[in-house]
């Protein structure tokens, strides 16, 4: 469970660092769908990929906690 908590914290850190790298004034042209999904600074790739990692990690943490509670009772 410690590994999943470390991965969750790392994903949050990566998400914050990618958001800070983004420039204030972005170009007005609309990027393609692939850029929007997967490019960390030009699109929302940091949200998509790190969001998936965060959701997966959080679900693993919750499942581990339920398993611990179930074993106690």
N, C-alpha and C. Protein backbone atom coordinates (compact mmCIF):
# COMPACT_ATOMS: atom_id res chain seq x y z
N UNK A 1 0.82 -1.18 0.00
CA UNK A 1 0.00 0.00 0.00
C UNK A 1 0.87 1.26 0.00
N UNK A 2 2.03 1.17 0.61
CA UNK A 2 2.95 2.31 0.63
C UNK A 2 3.38 2.67 -0.79
N UNK A 3 3.58 1.65 -1.62
CA UNK A 3 3.99 1.90 -3.01
C UNK A 3 2.91 2.71 -3.73
N UNK A 4 1.63 2.35 -3.50
CA UNK A 4 0.55 3.07 -4.18
C UNK A 4 0.43 4.50 -3.68
N UNK A 5 0.67 4.71 -2.39
CA UNK A 5 0.64 6.08 -1.87
C UNK A 5 1.78 6.91 -2.46
N UNK A 6 2.95 6.31 -2.62
CA UNK A 6 4.07 7.01 -3.24
C UNK A 6 3.76 7.33 -4.70
N UNK A 7 3.18 6.37 -5.43
CA UNK A 7 2.81 6.63 -6.82
C UNK A 7 1.75 7.72 -6.93
N UNK A 8 0.80 7.73 -6.01
CA UNK A 8 -0.24 8.75 -6.01
C UNK A 8 0.37 10.13 -5.77
N UNK A 9 1.27 10.23 -4.79
CA UNK A 9 1.95 11.50 -4.53
C UNK A 9 2.81 11.94 -5.70
N UNK A 10 3.50 10.98 -6.34
CA UNK A 10 4.31 11.31 -7.52
C UNK A 10 3.46 11.81 -8.68
N UNK A 11 2.29 11.20 -8.87
CA UNK A 11 1.41 11.64 -9.95
C UNK A 11 0.91 13.06 -9.69
N UNK A 12 0.56 13.36 -8.44
CA UNK A 12 0.15 14.73 -8.11
C UNK A 12 1.29 15.71 -8.37
N UNK A 13 2.51 15.34 -8.00
CA UNK A 13 3.67 16.21 -8.22
C UNK A 13 3.91 16.45 -9.70
N UNK A 14 3.85 15.40 -10.50
CA UNK A 14 4.04 15.54 -11.94
C UNK A 14 2.96 16.43 -12.53
N UNK A 15 1.72 16.25 -12.08
CA UNK A 15 0.62 17.08 -12.56
C UNK A 15 0.87 18.55 -12.26
N UNK A 16 1.30 18.85 -11.07
CA UNK A 16 1.55 20.24 -10.68
C UNK A 16 2.72 20.82 -11.47
N UNK A 17 3.81 20.04 -11.64
CA UNK A 17 4.96 20.54 -12.38
C UNK A 17 4.63 20.81 -13.84
N UNK A 18 3.85 19.93 -14.47
CA UNK A 18 3.46 20.17 -15.86
C UNK A 18 2.57 21.40 -15.99
N UNK A 19 1.69 21.63 -15.03
CA UNK A 19 0.82 22.80 -15.09
C UNK A 19 1.63 24.08 -14.89
N UNK A 20 2.69 24.04 -14.11
CA UNK A 20 3.51 25.23 -13.90
C UNK A 20 4.38 25.53 -15.11
N UNK A 21 4.72 24.53 -15.91
CA UNK A 21 5.55 24.76 -17.09
C UNK A 21 4.78 25.46 -18.20
N UNK A 22 3.49 25.44 -18.16
CA UNK A 22 2.66 26.01 -19.21
C UNK A 22 2.81 27.54 -19.23
N UNK A 23 2.91 28.09 -20.42
CA UNK A 23 3.06 29.54 -20.56
C UNK A 23 1.71 30.22 -20.34
N UNK A 24 1.77 31.48 -19.96
CA UNK A 24 0.54 32.22 -19.67
C UNK A 24 -0.28 32.48 -20.93
N UNK A 25 0.38 32.99 -21.98
CA UNK A 25 -0.35 33.31 -23.20
C UNK A 25 -0.18 32.18 -24.21
N UNK A 26 -1.27 31.51 -24.51
CA UNK A 26 -1.23 30.41 -25.47
C UNK A 26 -1.70 30.91 -26.83
N UNK A 27 -1.30 30.21 -27.87
CA UNK A 27 -1.72 30.59 -29.22
C UNK A 27 -3.23 30.42 -29.36
N UNK A 28 -3.82 31.20 -30.25
CA UNK A 28 -5.27 31.15 -30.43
C UNK A 28 -5.72 30.00 -31.31
N UNK A 29 -4.82 29.40 -32.08
CA UNK A 29 -5.23 28.29 -32.93
C UNK A 29 -5.52 27.06 -32.09
N UNK A 30 -6.52 26.34 -32.48
CA UNK A 30 -6.95 25.16 -31.72
C UNK A 30 -6.06 23.98 -32.08
N UNK A 31 -5.44 23.33 -31.09
CA UNK A 31 -4.61 22.17 -31.39
C UNK A 31 -5.46 20.96 -31.75
N UNK A 32 -4.82 19.97 -32.35
CA UNK A 32 -5.55 18.76 -32.74
C UNK A 32 -5.96 17.97 -31.50
N UNK A 33 -6.82 16.99 -31.71
CA UNK A 33 -7.32 16.19 -30.59
C UNK A 33 -6.19 15.40 -29.93
N UNK A 34 -5.25 14.88 -30.72
CA UNK A 34 -4.14 14.12 -30.14
C UNK A 34 -3.25 15.01 -29.28
N UNK A 35 -3.03 16.25 -29.73
CA UNK A 35 -2.23 17.19 -28.94
C UNK A 35 -2.97 17.53 -27.65
N UNK A 36 -4.26 17.75 -27.75
CA UNK A 36 -5.04 18.09 -26.57
C UNK A 36 -5.02 16.97 -25.54
N UNK A 37 -5.00 15.73 -26.00
CA UNK A 37 -5.06 14.61 -25.05
C UNK A 37 -3.70 14.21 -24.50
N UNK A 38 -2.65 14.28 -25.32
CA UNK A 38 -1.41 13.65 -24.91
C UNK A 38 -0.21 14.57 -24.77
N UNK A 39 -0.27 15.80 -25.23
CA UNK A 39 0.89 16.69 -25.09
C UNK A 39 0.82 17.39 -23.73
N UNK A 40 1.89 17.30 -22.93
CA UNK A 40 1.80 17.80 -21.56
C UNK A 40 1.73 19.31 -21.43
N UNK A 41 2.27 20.07 -22.37
CA UNK A 41 2.24 21.53 -22.22
C UNK A 41 1.33 22.22 -23.21
N UNK A 42 1.12 21.65 -24.39
CA UNK A 42 0.26 22.29 -25.38
C UNK A 42 -1.20 21.90 -25.22
N UNK A 43 -1.45 20.79 -24.60
CA UNK A 43 -2.82 20.32 -24.45
C UNK A 43 -3.11 19.95 -23.01
N UNK A 44 -4.06 19.08 -22.85
CA UNK A 44 -4.45 18.64 -21.52
C UNK A 44 -3.93 17.23 -21.24
N UNK A 45 -2.82 16.86 -21.84
CA UNK A 45 -2.28 15.52 -21.66
C UNK A 45 -1.90 15.22 -20.23
N UNK A 46 -1.42 16.24 -19.53
CA UNK A 46 -1.07 16.02 -18.12
C UNK A 46 -2.30 15.67 -17.31
N UNK A 47 -3.42 16.30 -17.63
CA UNK A 47 -4.65 15.98 -16.91
C UNK A 47 -5.15 14.59 -17.27
N UNK A 48 -5.07 14.24 -18.54
CA UNK A 48 -5.59 12.95 -19.00
C UNK A 48 -4.76 11.81 -18.44
N UNK A 49 -3.46 11.84 -18.65
CA UNK A 49 -2.60 10.72 -18.25
C UNK A 49 -2.43 10.66 -16.73
N UNK A 50 -2.14 11.78 -16.10
CA UNK A 50 -1.97 11.76 -14.65
C UNK A 50 -3.30 11.51 -13.96
N UNK A 51 -4.38 11.99 -14.56
CA UNK A 51 -5.70 11.71 -13.99
C UNK A 51 -5.99 10.23 -13.98
N UNK A 52 -5.63 9.54 -15.05
CA UNK A 52 -5.84 8.09 -15.10
C UNK A 52 -4.97 7.39 -14.06
N UNK A 53 -3.73 7.82 -13.92
CA UNK A 53 -2.84 7.22 -12.92
C UNK A 53 -3.36 7.50 -11.51
N UNK A 54 -3.83 8.71 -11.28
CA UNK A 54 -4.34 9.07 -9.95
C UNK A 54 -5.59 8.26 -9.63
N UNK A 55 -6.52 8.15 -10.58
CA UNK A 55 -7.73 7.36 -10.33
C UNK A 55 -7.40 5.90 -10.07
N UNK A 56 -6.50 5.33 -10.85
CA UNK A 56 -6.12 3.93 -10.66
C UNK A 56 -5.45 3.74 -9.30
N UNK A 57 -4.53 4.63 -8.96
CA UNK A 57 -3.82 4.52 -7.69
C UNK A 57 -4.78 4.68 -6.51
N UNK A 58 -5.68 5.65 -6.62
CA UNK A 58 -6.64 5.88 -5.55
C UNK A 58 -7.56 4.68 -5.37
N UNK A 59 -7.97 4.07 -6.48
CA UNK A 59 -8.83 2.89 -6.38
C UNK A 59 -8.08 1.74 -5.72
N UNK A 60 -6.79 1.60 -6.01
CA UNK A 60 -6.00 0.55 -5.37
C UNK A 60 -5.87 0.80 -3.86
N UNK A 61 -5.68 2.06 -3.48
CA UNK A 61 -5.58 2.40 -2.06
C UNK A 61 -6.89 2.09 -1.35
N UNK A 62 -8.01 2.47 -1.95
CA UNK A 62 -9.31 2.21 -1.35
C UNK A 62 -9.56 0.72 -1.23
N UNK A 63 -9.22 -0.05 -2.27
CA UNK A 63 -9.39 -1.50 -2.19
C UNK A 63 -8.53 -2.11 -1.09
N UNK A 64 -7.32 -1.63 -0.93
CA UNK A 64 -6.46 -2.13 0.15
C UNK A 64 -7.05 -1.80 1.51
N UNK A 65 -7.58 -0.59 1.66
CA UNK A 65 -8.18 -0.21 2.94
C UNK A 65 -9.40 -1.06 3.25
N UNK A 66 -10.25 -1.31 2.25
CA UNK A 66 -11.41 -2.18 2.46
C UNK A 66 -10.97 -3.60 2.81
N UNK A 67 -9.90 -4.06 2.21
CA UNK A 67 -9.38 -5.40 2.52
C UNK A 67 -8.90 -5.47 3.96
N UNK A 68 -8.24 -4.42 4.43
CA UNK A 68 -7.77 -4.38 5.82
C UNK A 68 -8.96 -4.37 6.78
N UNK A 69 -9.97 -3.55 6.48
CA UNK A 69 -11.16 -3.49 7.33
C UNK A 69 -11.88 -4.83 7.34
N UNK A 70 -11.97 -5.47 6.19
CA UNK A 70 -12.64 -6.77 6.10
C UNK A 70 -11.90 -7.83 6.91
N UNK A 71 -10.58 -7.79 6.90
CA UNK A 71 -9.79 -8.76 7.67
C UNK A 71 -9.90 -8.51 9.17
N UNK A 72 -10.07 -7.26 9.57
CA UNK A 72 -10.20 -6.95 10.99
C UNK A 72 -11.52 -7.45 11.53
N UNK A 73 -12.59 -7.26 10.77
CA UNK A 73 -13.91 -7.69 11.22
C UNK A 73 -14.23 -9.00 10.60
